[in-house]
Amino acid sequence: MGHEVRRGRYANSIAKAALLSVSYLALAVAGGNSSSAQTSQQAPAAQPGASQLPPVQIEEPTRKPKRQRAQPSNRAGAAAARRTATPQTTPAPQPSVWASTYDTRTGTVGVYTNSTSVATKVNTALINIPQSISVRTKDFIRDQGFSSLTDVTRYVPGVAVHQGEGNRDELVIRGVDSSANFFVNGFRDDVQYFRDLYNAQSVEILKGPSALIFGRGAGGGVLNRTLKEADGTRIYEVTGQTGSYWDRRVTLDAGQAVNDNFAARLNLMYEGGDTPAGSNAGVSTRR
């Protein structure tokens, strides 16, 4: 009897619990339906307001083309090729054939010179010539305005000017008459006339016996004129001179290199003058 009563109580309690759970489930289902209905009612109310905004159109961004990667270079091979390649040498510039001028060979600077070829026939330093020698350069002649040998030799010690009978150059070197001891570039020039300096590069006076070098000659010494040469130097020079009794003088010095194998130089001179009134009136000189 007692067991049956307990079973009845347990059965009633289980039935009540089942009934409560079923009722709770029904209430939950009903609440969900009501909330979904409210949401569906609210959605149509908000839709008319949203339609007033302008439509937004989203486009896909343009993509830049990708740069293609360069193929990896063989750096090791290039470096090895550079190391093994033979270096290219640039050819040295060829010296000009006109680089050796008279002033360059003799070391002439202004009124000074270091060498000459008068006594030895080859270019030799003045200090190595065992004789007394005086050199007057073209700059010295131009600066002083000299036009004859008698003017130049006045500035050389040991040399005196002789009259020469009024028709030729004549010098007295160390007390010895040297009228026949004139040379041009080392060759004898003993003709009796007045020697002009319009084409002279320099004037060298060698003092003392010179028979061993120049052959026949006086014991006083010799005078040598070195003429201007076509050494490729570009020069165009004109000089003019005038004085009393219609004295006039004009000189021209023109020269340049035509090509690597040919150079030209031209020297011209004109001189003239009249004599004063007297016994020789009406006599004029020209050359």
C-alpha atoms as a PDB file:
ATOM      1  CA  MET A   1       0.000   0.000   0.000  1.00  0.00           C
ATOM      2  CA  GLY A   2       2.739   2.403   0.923  1.00  0.00           C
ATOM      3  CA  HIS A   3       4.590   1.668  -2.333  1.00  0.00           C
ATOM      4  CA  GLU A   4       1.558   2.355  -4.452  1.00  0.00           C
ATOM      5  CA  VAL A   5       0.995   5.699  -2.724  1.00  0.00           C
ATOM      6  CA  ARG A   6       4.583   6.712  -3.459  1.00  0.00           C
ATOM      7  CA  ARG A   7       4.260   5.688  -7.031  1.00  0.00           C
ATOM      8  CA  GLY A   8       1.135   7.766  -7.378  1.00  0.00           C
ATOM      9  CA  ARG A   9       2.924  10.784  -5.973  1.00  0.00           C
ATOM     10  CA  TYR A  10       5.860  10.361  -8.249  1.00  0.00           C
ATOM     11  CA  ALA A  11       3.592   9.965 -11.229  1.00  0.00           C
ATOM     12  CA  ASN A  12       1.679  13.134 -10.312  1.00  0.00           C
ATOM     13  CA  SER A  13       4.900  15.119  -9.901  1.00  0.00           C
ATOM     14  CA  ILE A  14       6.252  13.883 -13.234  1.00  0.00           C
ATOM     15  CA  ALA A  15       2.991  14.740 -14.947  1.00  0.00           C
ATOM     16  CA  LYS A  16       3.044  18.244 -13.476  1.00  0.00           C
ATOM     17  CA  ALA A  17       6.624  18.796 -14.577  1.00  0.00           C
ATOM     18  CA  ALA A  18       5.838  17.631 -18.087  1.00  0.00           C
ATOM     19  CA  LEU A  19       2.817  19.888 -18.204  1.00  0.00           C
ATOM     20  CA  LEU A  20       4.866  22.870 -17.057  1.00  0.00           C
ATOM     21  CA  SER A  21       7.545  22.249 -19.658  1.00  0.00           C
ATOM     22  CA  VAL A  22       4.992  21.967 -22.445  1.00  0.00           C
ATOM     23  CA  SER A  23       3.328  25.196 -21.372  1.00  0.00           C
ATOM     24  CA  TYR A  24       6.704  27.001 -21.247  1.00  0.00           C
ATOM     25  CA  LEU A  25       7.515  25.779 -24.710  1.00  0.00           C
ATOM     26  CA  ALA A  26       4.213  27.039 -26.042  1.00  0.00           C
ATOM     27  CA  LEU A  27       4.783  30.433 -24.493  1.00  0.00           C
ATOM     28  CA  ALA A  28       8.247  30.641 -26.023  1.00  0.00           C
ATOM     29  CA  VAL A  29       6.903  29.808 -29.453  1.00  0.00           C
ATOM     30  CA  ALA A  30       4.175  32.392 -29.152  1.00  0.00           C
ATOM     31  CA  GLY A  31       6.686  35.106 -28.084  1.00  0.00           C
ATOM     32  CA  GLY A  32       8.903  34.399 -31.089  1.00  0.00           C
ATOM     33  CA  ASN A  33       6.023  34.720 -33.502  1.00  0.00           C
ATOM     34  CA  SER A  34       4.958  38.020 -32.027  1.00  0.00           C
ATOM     35  CA  SER A  35       8.463  39.516 -32.214  1.00  0.00           C
ATOM     36  CA  SER A  36       8.850  38.436 -35.849  1.00  0.00           C
ATOM     37  CA  ALA A  37       5.477  39.986 -36.654  1.00  0.00           C
ATOM     38  CA  GLN A  38       6.520  43.278 -35.076  1.00  0.00           C
ATOM     39  CA  THR A  39       9.749  43.258 -37.016  1.00  0.00           C
ATOM     40  CA  SER A  40       7.949  42.624 -40.267  1.00  0.00           C
ATOM     41  CA  GLN A  41       5.586  45.475 -39.506  1.00  0.00           C
ATOM     42  CA  GLN A  42       8.430  47.883 -38.702  1.00  0.00           C
ATOM     43  CA  ALA A  43      10.398  47.058 -41.858  1.00  0.00           C
ATOM     44  CA  PRO A  44       7.785  48.379 -44.285  1.00  0.00           C
ATOM     45  CA  ALA A  45       7.527  51.566 -42.200  1.00  0.00           C
ATOM     46  CA  ALA A  46      11.260  52.281 -42.547  1.00  0.00           C
ATOM     47  CA  GLN A  47      11.441  51.456 -46.251  1.00  0.00           C
ATOM     48  CA  PRO A  48       9.737  54.632 -47.549  1.00  0.00           C
ATOM     49  CA  GLY A  49      12.279  56.841 -45.737  1.00  0.00           C
ATOM     50  CA  ALA A  50      15.255  54.885 -47.172  1.00  0.00           C
ATOM     51  CA  SER A  51      14.089  55.317 -50.734  1.00  0.00           C
ATOM     52  CA  GLN A  52      14.650  59.104 -50.517  1.00  0.00           C
ATOM     53  CA  LEU A  53      18.495  58.744 -50.502  1.00  0.00           C
ATOM     54  CA  PRO A  54      20.301  58.828 -53.890  1.00  0.00           C
ATOM     55  CA  PRO A  55      21.538  55.462 -55.110  1.00  0.00           C
ATOM     56  CA  VAL A  56      25.235  54.775 -54.589  1.00  0.00           C
ATOM     57  CA  GLN A  57      27.085  53.013 -57.397  1.00  0.00           C
ATOM     58  CA  ILE A  58      30.331  51.307 -56.503  1.00  0.00           C
ATOM     59  CA  GLU A  59      32.748  50.565 -59.299  1.00  0.00           C
ATOM     60  CA  GLU A  60      35.731  48.295 -59.270  1.00  0.00           C
ATOM     61  CA  PRO A  61      39.029  50.262 -59.048  1.00  0.00           C
ATOM     62  CA  THR A  62      41.240  50.206 -62.124  1.00  0.00           C
ATOM     63  CA  ARG A  63      44.298  48.115 -61.666  1.00  0.00           C
ATOM     64  CA  LYS A  64      47.695  49.246 -62.977  1.00  0.00           C
ATOM     65  CA  PRO A  65      49.521  46.763 -65.160  1.00  0.00           C
ATOM     66  CA  LYS A  66      52.230  45.019 -63.311  1.00  0.00           C
ATOM     67  CA  ARG A  67      55.803  45.744 -64.428  1.00  0.00           C
ATOM     68  CA  GLN A  68      57.528  42.761 -65.771  1.00  0.00           C
ATOM     69  CA  ARG A  69      60.590  41.854 -63.852  1.00  0.00           C
ATOM     70  CA  ALA A  70      63.832  41.867 -65.782  1.00  0.00           C
ATOM     71  CA  GLN A  71      65.598  38.657 -66.189  1.00  0.00           C
ATOM     72  CA  PRO A  72      68.350  38.289 -63.632  1.00  0.00           C
ATOM     73  CA  SER A  73      71.702  39.025 -65.255  1.00  0.00           C
ATOM     74  CA  ASN A  74      74.672  36.845 -64.868  1.00  0.00           C
ATOM     75  CA  ARG A  75      76.763  39.237 -62.792  1.00  0.00           C
ATOM     76  CA  ALA A  76      79.482  36.758 -62.137  1.00  0.00           C
ATOM     77  CA  GLY A  77      79.901  36.077 -65.857  1.00  0.00           C
ATOM     78  CA  ALA A  78      79.937  39.778 -66.724  1.00  0.00           C
ATOM     79  CA  ALA A  79      82.553  40.489 -64.066  1.00  0.00           C
ATOM     80  CA  ALA A  80      84.708  37.653 -65.333  1.00  0.00           C
ATOM     81  CA  ALA A  81      84.391  38.965 -68.898  1.00  0.00           C
ATOM     82  CA  ARG A  82      85.494  42.421 -67.773  1.00  0.00           C
ATOM     83  CA  ARG A  83      88.490  40.971 -66.007  1.00  0.00           C
ATOM     84  CA  THR A  84      89.568  38.921 -68.977  1.00  0.00           C
ATOM     85  CA  ALA A  85      88.936  41.632 -71.593  1.00  0.00           C
ATOM     86  CA  THR A  86      92.086  43.306 -72.834  1.00  0.00           C
ATOM     87  CA  PRO A  87      92.181  47.050 -72.064  1.00  0.00           C
ATOM     88  CA  GLN A  88      92.011  49.334 -75.093  1.00  0.00           C
ATOM     89  CA  THR A  89      94.892  51.775 -75.192  1.00  0.00           C
ATOM     90  CA  THR A  90      94.330  55.120 -76.869  1.00  0.00           C
ATOM     91  CA  PRO A  91      97.084  55.957 -79.347  1.00  0.00           C
ATOM     92  CA  ALA A  92      99.331  58.798 -78.272  1.00  0.00           C
ATOM     93  CA  PRO A  93      98.953  61.959 -80.352  1.00  0.00           C
ATOM     94  CA  GLN A  94     101.623  62.279 -82.978  1.00  0.00           C
ATOM     95  CA  PRO A  95     103.884  65.296 -82.468  1.00  0.00           C
ATOM     96  CA  SER A  96     103.668  67.953 -85.118  1.00  0.00           C
ATOM     97  CA  VAL A  97     106.514  68.068 -87.612  1.00  0.00           C
ATOM     98  CA  TRP A  98     106.593  71.847 -87.137  1.00  0.00           C
ATOM     99  CA  ALA A  99     107.065  71.664 -83.357  1.00  0.00           C
ATOM    100  CA  SER A 100     110.848  72.116 -83.714  1.00  0.00           C
ATOM    101  CA  THR A 101     111.363  75.805 -84.529  1.00  0.00           C
ATOM    102  CA  TYR A 102     114.593  77.755 -84.455  1.00  0.00           C
ATOM    103  CA  ASP A 103     113.764  79.304 -81.091  1.00  0.00           C
ATOM    104  CA  THR A 104     112.905  75.874 -79.669  1.00  0.00           C
ATOM    105  CA  ARG A 105     116.111  74.256 -80.872  1.00  0.00           C
ATOM    106  CA  THR A 106     118.374  77.048 -79.645  1.00  0.00           C
ATOM    107  CA  GLY A 107     116.435  77.881 -76.487  1.00  0.00           C
ATOM    108  CA  THR A 108     115.987  81.489 -77.585  1.00  0.00           C
ATOM    109  CA  VAL A 109     113.801  83.589 -75.290  1.00  0.00           C
ATOM    110  CA  GLY A 110     113.680  87.282 -76.090  1.00  0.00           C
ATOM    111  CA  VAL A 111     117.231  88.643 -76.294  1.00  0.00           C
ATOM    112  CA  TYR A 112     118.788  85.520 -74.746  1.00  0.00           C
ATOM    113  CA  THR A 113     119.816  82.270 -76.428  1.00  0.00           C
ATOM    114  CA  ASN A 114     121.399  79.090 -75.099  1.00  0.00           C
ATOM    115  CA  SER A 115     122.991  77.501 -78.168  1.00  0.00           C
ATOM    116  CA  THR A 116     124.104  78.063 -81.741  1.00  0.00           C
ATOM    117  CA  SER A 117     125.556  76.118 -84.645  1.00  0.00           C
ATOM    118  CA  VAL A 118     128.023  78.694 -85.974  1.00  0.00           C
ATOM    119  CA  ALA A 119     131.299  77.290 -84.745  1.00  0.00           C
ATOM    120  CA  THR A 120     130.480  73.591 -84.562  1.00  0.00           C
ATOM    121  CA  LYS A 121     128.052  73.208 -87.518  1.00  0.00           C
ATOM    122  CA  VAL A 122     125.682  71.457 -85.103  1.00  0.00           C
ATOM    123  CA  ASN A 123     123.452  72.844 -82.405  1.00  0.00           C
ATOM    124  CA  THR A 124     125.802  73.291 -79.440  1.00  0.00           C
ATOM    125  CA  ALA A 125     125.385  75.072 -76.136  1.00  0.00           C
ATOM    126  CA  LEU A 126     127.311  78.346 -75.936  1.00  0.00           C
ATOM    127  CA  ILE A 127     129.015  77.226 -72.757  1.00  0.00           C
ATOM    128  CA  ASN A 128     130.556  74.271 -74.635  1.00  0.00           C
ATOM    129  CA  ILE A 129     132.125  76.379 -77.403  1.00  0.00           C
ATOM    130  CA  PRO A 130     135.789  77.069 -76.480  1.00  0.00           C
ATOM    131  CA  GLN A 131     135.789  80.522 -78.086  1.00  0.00           C
ATOM    132  CA  SER A 132     134.305  83.906 -77.378  1.00  0.00           C
ATOM    133  CA  ILE A 133     130.962  84.236 -79.177  1.00  0.00           C
ATOM    134  CA  SER A 134     128.267  86.924 -79.072  1.00  0.00           C
ATOM    135  CA  VAL A 135     124.709  86.321 -80.328  1.00  0.00           C
ATOM    136  CA  ARG A 136     122.202  89.067 -81.130  1.00  0.00           C
ATOM    137  CA  THR A 137     118.664  87.705 -81.553  1.00  0.00           C
ATOM    138  CA  LYS A 138     115.891  89.018 -83.778  1.00  0.00           C
ATOM    139  CA  ASP A 139     114.074  90.441 -80.750  1.00  0.00           C
ATOM    140  CA  PHE A 140     117.152  92.478 -79.868  1.00  0.00           C
ATOM    141  CA  ILE A 141     117.419  93.722 -83.464  1.00  0.00           C
ATOM    142  CA  ARG A 142     113.717  94.595 -83.604  1.00  0.00           C
ATOM    143  CA  ASP A 143     113.638  96.319 -80.231  1.00  0.00           C
ATOM    144  CA  GLN A 144     116.566  98.547 -81.173  1.00  0.00           C
ATOM    145  CA  GLY A 145     115.267  99.193 -84.689  1.00  0.00           C
ATOM    146  CA  PHE A 146     118.486  98.073 -86.400  1.00  0.00           C
ATOM    147  CA  SER A 147     118.578  97.562 -90.150  1.00  0.00           C
ATOM    148  CA  SER A 148     122.301  97.028 -90.918  1.00  0.00           C
ATOM    149  CA  LEU A 149     125.266  95.105 -89.554  1.00  0.00           C
ATOM    150  CA  THR A 150     127.108  98.273 -88.552  1.00  0.00           C
ATOM    151  CA  ASP A 151     124.268  99.113 -86.155  1.00  0.00           C
ATOM    152  CA  VAL A 152     124.330  95.679 -84.520  1.00  0.00           C
ATOM    153  CA  THR A 153     128.095  95.431 -84.121  1.00  0.00           C
ATOM    154  CA  ARG A 154     128.208  98.660 -82.124  1.00  0.00           C
ATOM    155  CA  TYR A 155     126.763  96.591 -79.251  1.00  0.00           C
ATOM    156  CA  VAL A 156     129.419  93.832 -79.495  1.00  0.00           C
ATOM    157  CA  PRO A 157     132.646  94.315 -77.519  1.00  0.00           C
ATOM    158  CA  GLY A 158     135.866  93.870 -79.474  1.00  0.00           C
ATOM    159  CA  VAL A 159     134.292  94.815 -82.821  1.00  0.00           C
ATOM    160  CA  ALA A 160     134.821  98.189 -84.525  1.00  0.00           C
ATOM    161  CA  VAL A 161     133.063  99.579 -87.590  1.00  0.00           C
ATOM    162  CA  HIS A 162     135.209 100.501 -90.579  1.00  0.00           C
ATOM    163  CA  GLN A 163     134.213 102.881 -93.341  1.00  0.00           C
ATOM    164  CA  GLY A 164     134.380 100.270 -96.103  1.00  0.00           C
ATOM    165  CA  GLU A 165     134.988 102.931 -98.755  1.00  0.00           C
ATOM    166  CA  GLY A 166     131.325 103.847 -98.552  1.00  0.00           C
ATOM    167  CA  ASN A 167     130.062 100.900-100.570  1.00  0.00           C
ATOM    168  CA  ARG A 168     130.281  97.805 -98.386  1.00  0.00           C
ATOM    169  CA  ASP A 169     130.280  96.443 -94.844  1.00  0.00           C
ATOM    170  CA  GLU A 170     133.671  96.223 -93.198  1.00  0.00           C
ATOM    171  CA  LEU A 171     134.450  95.285 -89.623  1.00  0.00           C
ATOM    172  CA  VAL A 172     137.569  95.211 -87.501  1.00  0.00           C
ATOM    173  CA  ILE A 173     137.446  92.337 -85.025  1.00  0.00           C
ATOM    174  CA  ARG A 174     140.112  92.372 -82.320  1.00  0.00           C
ATOM    175  CA  GLY A 175     142.187  94.777 -84.397  1.00  0.00           C
ATOM    176  CA  VAL A 176     142.150  92.628 -87.548  1.00  0.00           C
ATOM    177  CA  ASP A 177     140.340  93.708 -90.707  1.00  0.00           C
ATOM    178  CA  SER A 178     137.541  91.237 -91.424  1.00  0.00           C
ATOM    179  CA  SER A 179     135.975  92.586 -94.596  1.00  0.00           C
ATOM    180  CA  ALA A 180     135.949  89.120 -96.213  1.00  0.00           C
ATOM    181  CA  ASN A 181     134.846  87.127 -93.173  1.00  0.00           C
ATOM    182  CA  PHE A 182     131.060  87.320 -93.545  1.00  0.00           C
ATOM    183  CA  PHE A 183     128.933  84.168 -93.608  1.00  0.00           C
ATOM    184  CA  VAL A 184     125.241  83.317 -94.160  1.00  0.00           C
ATOM    185  CA  ASN A 185     124.024  80.142 -92.434  1.00  0.00           C
ATOM    186  CA  GLY A 186     127.656  79.009 -92.310  1.00  0.00           C
ATOM    187  CA  PHE A 187     128.421  79.682 -96.000  1.00  0.00           C
ATOM    188  CA  ARG A 188     130.847  82.364 -97.106  1.00  0.00           C
ATOM    189  CA  ASP A 189     129.352  85.696 -98.150  1.00  0.00           C
ATOM    190  CA  ASP A 190     132.306  87.947 -98.996  1.00  0.00           C
ATOM    191  CA  VAL A 191     130.639  90.027-101.725  1.00  0.00           C
ATOM    192  CA  GLN A 192     131.131  93.758-101.225  1.00  0.00           C
ATOM    193  CA  TYR A 193     127.695  95.214-100.436  1.00  0.00           C
ATOM    194  CA  PHE A 194     125.616  96.457 -97.517  1.00  0.00           C
ATOM    195  CA  ARG A 195     123.898  93.584 -95.741  1.00  0.00           C
ATOM    196  CA  ASP A 196     120.375  94.244 -94.481  1.00  0.00           C
ATOM    197  CA  LEU A 197     118.764  92.527 -91.508  1.00  0.00           C
ATOM    198  CA  TYR A 198     115.137  92.335 -92.693  1.00  0.00           C
ATOM    199  CA  ASN A 199     115.444  88.548 -93.117  1.00  0.00           C
ATOM    200  CA  ALA A 200     117.921  87.803 -90.299  1.00  0.00           C
ATOM    201  CA  GLN A 201     116.953  85.513 -87.428  1.00  0.00           C
ATOM    202  CA  SER A 202     120.117  86.251 -85.471  1.00  0.00           C
ATOM    203  CA  VAL A 203     123.665  87.561 -85.844  1.00  0.00           C
ATOM    204  CA  GLU A 204     126.595  85.645 -84.339  1.00  0.00           C
ATOM    205  CA  ILE A 205     130.106  87.090 -83.962  1.00  0.00           C
ATOM    206  CA  LEU A 206     132.819  84.519 -83.306  1.00  0.00           C
ATOM    207  CA  LYS A 207     136.058  86.058 -82.056  1.00  0.00           C
ATOM    208  CA  GLY A 208     139.485  84.544 -82.523  1.00  0.00           C
ATOM    209  CA  PRO A 209     141.095  82.299 -85.190  1.00  0.00           C
ATOM    210  CA  SER A 210     138.485  80.273 -87.060  1.00  0.00           C
ATOM    211  CA  ALA A 211     140.452  78.670 -89.912  1.00  0.00           C
ATOM    212  CA  LEU A 212     139.917  75.181 -88.450  1.00  0.00           C
ATOM    213  CA  ILE A 213     136.143  75.562 -88.690  1.00  0.00           C
ATOM    214  CA  PHE A 214     135.429  78.004 -91.498  1.00  0.00           C
ATOM    215  CA  GLY A 215     138.500  77.509 -93.616  1.00  0.00           C
ATOM    216  CA  ARG A 216     140.265  80.577 -94.955  1.00  0.00           C
ATOM    217  CA  GLY A 217     139.744  83.615 -92.761  1.00  0.00           C
ATOM    218  CA  ALA A 218     141.345  86.350 -90.762  1.00  0.00           C
ATOM    219  CA  GLY A 219     142.628  85.825 -87.253  1.00  0.00           C
ATOM    220  CA  GLY A 220     140.269  88.357 -85.716  1.00  0.00           C
ATOM    221  CA  GLY A 221     137.028  86.416 -86.130  1.00  0.00           C
ATOM    222  CA  VAL A 222     133.968  85.999 -88.339  1.00  0.00           C
ATOM    223  CA  LEU A 223     130.392  87.217 -88.493  1.00  0.00           C
ATOM    224  CA  ASN A 224     127.539  84.880 -89.401  1.00  0.00           C
ATOM    225  CA  ARG A 225     123.921  85.732 -90.213  1.00  0.00           C
ATOM    226  CA  THR A 226     121.243  83.127 -89.605  1.00  0.00           C
ATOM    227  CA  LEU A 227     118.308  83.739 -91.937  1.00  0.00           C
ATOM    228  CA  LYS A 228     114.644  83.286 -91.061  1.00  0.00           C
ATOM    229  CA  GLU A 229     113.383  79.842 -91.992  1.00  0.00           C
ATOM    230  CA  ALA A 230     109.997  78.414 -92.910  1.00  0.00           C
ATOM    231  CA  ASP A 231     109.454  76.513 -89.660  1.00  0.00           C
ATOM    232  CA  GLY A 232     105.639  76.408 -89.787  1.00  0.00           C
ATOM    233  CA  THR A 233     105.195  79.422 -87.509  1.00  0.00           C
ATOM    234  CA  ARG A 234     102.213  81.543 -88.519  1.00  0.00           C
ATOM    235  CA  ILE A 235     103.446  85.112 -88.827  1.00  0.00           C
ATOM    236  CA  TYR A 236     102.281  88.169 -90.772  1.00  0.00           C
ATOM    237  CA  GLU A 237     104.251  91.306 -89.970  1.00  0.00           C
ATOM    238  CA  VAL A 238     104.646  94.587 -91.836  1.00  0.00           C
ATOM    239  CA  THR A 239     106.865  97.462 -90.691  1.00  0.00           C
ATOM    240  CA  GLY A 240     107.232 100.980 -92.023  1.00  0.00           C
ATOM    241  CA  GLN A 241     109.763 103.726 -91.419  1.00  0.00           C
ATOM    242  CA  THR A 242     110.187 107.279 -92.709  1.00  0.00           C
ATOM    243  CA  GLY A 243     112.490 110.202 -92.088  1.00  0.00           C
ATOM    244  CA  SER A 244     114.056 113.354 -93.504  1.00  0.00           C
ATOM    245  CA  TYR A 245     114.724 113.845 -97.215  1.00  0.00           C
ATOM    246  CA  TRP A 246     111.962 111.440 -98.133  1.00  0.00           C
ATOM    247  CA  ASP A 247     113.592 108.546 -96.355  1.00  0.00           C
ATOM    248  CA  ARG A 248     111.279 105.509 -96.418  1.00  0.00           C
ATOM    249  CA  ARG A 249     111.532 101.839 -95.607  1.00  0.00           C
ATOM    250  CA  VAL A 250     108.961  99.030 -95.701  1.00  0.00           C
ATOM    251  CA  THR A 251     109.448  95.352 -94.758  1.00  0.00           C
ATOM    252  CA  LEU A 252     107.180  92.316 -94.961  1.00  0.00           C
ATOM    253  CA  ASP A 253     107.491  89.019 -93.098  1.00  0.00           C
ATOM    254  CA  ALA A 254     104.801  86.430 -93.888  1.00  0.00           C
ATOM    255  CA  GLY A 255     104.813  82.691 -93.369  1.00  0.00           C
ATOM    256  CA  GLN A 256     102.794  79.692 -92.234  1.00  0.00           C
ATOM    257  CA  ALA A 257     102.498  75.937 -92.631  1.00  0.00           C
ATOM    258  CA  VAL A 258     100.570  74.824 -95.709  1.00  0.00           C
ATOM    259  CA  ASN A 259     100.313  71.183 -94.608  1.00  0.00           C
ATOM    260  CA  ASP A 260     102.285  68.654 -92.596  1.00  0.00           C
ATOM    261  CA  ASN A 261     105.023  68.493 -95.222  1.00  0.00           C
ATOM    262  CA  PHE A 262     105.272  71.993 -96.620  1.00  0.00           C
ATOM    263  CA  ALA A 263     105.677  75.473 -95.131  1.00  0.00           C
ATOM    264  CA  ALA A 264     106.364  78.803 -96.796  1.00  0.00           C
ATOM    265  CA  ARG A 265     107.840  82.110 -95.686  1.00  0.00           C
ATOM    266  CA  LEU A 266     108.272  85.359 -97.608  1.00  0.00           C
ATOM    267  CA  ASN A 267     110.547  88.285 -96.674  1.00  0.00           C
ATOM    268  CA  LEU A 268     110.458  91.526 -98.663  1.00  0.00           C
ATOM    269  CA  MET A 269     112.078  94.912 -98.162  1.00  0.00           C
ATOM    270  CA  TYR A 270     111.994  98.271 -99.943  1.00  0.00           C
ATOM    271  CA  GLU A 271     114.156 101.224 -98.962  1.00  0.00           C
ATOM    272  CA  GLY A 272     114.721 104.597-100.591  1.00  0.00           C
ATOM    273  CA  GLY A 273     115.844 108.126 -99.828  1.00  0.00           C
ATOM    274  CA  ASP A 274     117.122 111.374-101.311  1.00  0.00           C
ATOM    275  CA  THR A 275     120.339 113.279-100.480  1.00  0.00           C
ATOM    276  CA  PRO A 276     120.294 116.784 -99.011  1.00  0.00           C
ATOM    277  CA  ALA A 277     120.948 119.852-101.151  1.00  0.00           C
ATOM    278  CA  GLY A 278     124.620 120.332-101.970  1.00  0.00           C
ATOM    279  CA  SER A 279     127.173 118.710-104.182  1.00  0.00           C
ATOM    280  CA  ASN A 280     125.137 115.523-104.367  1.00  0.00           C
ATOM    281  CA  ALA A 281     121.766 117.180-104.878  1.00  0.00           C
ATOM    282  CA  GLY A 282     119.327 115.093-106.849  1.00  0.00           C
ATOM    283  CA  VAL A 283     120.999 111.767-106.001  1.00  0.00           C
ATOM    284  CA  SER A 284     118.646 109.138-104.613  1.00  0.00           C
ATOM    285  CA  THR A 285     119.210 105.614-103.319  1.00  0.00           C
ATOM    286  CA  ARG A 286     116.821 102.683-103.596  1.00  0.00           C
ATOM    287  CA  ARG A 287     117.037  98.956-102.944  1.00  0.00           C
END
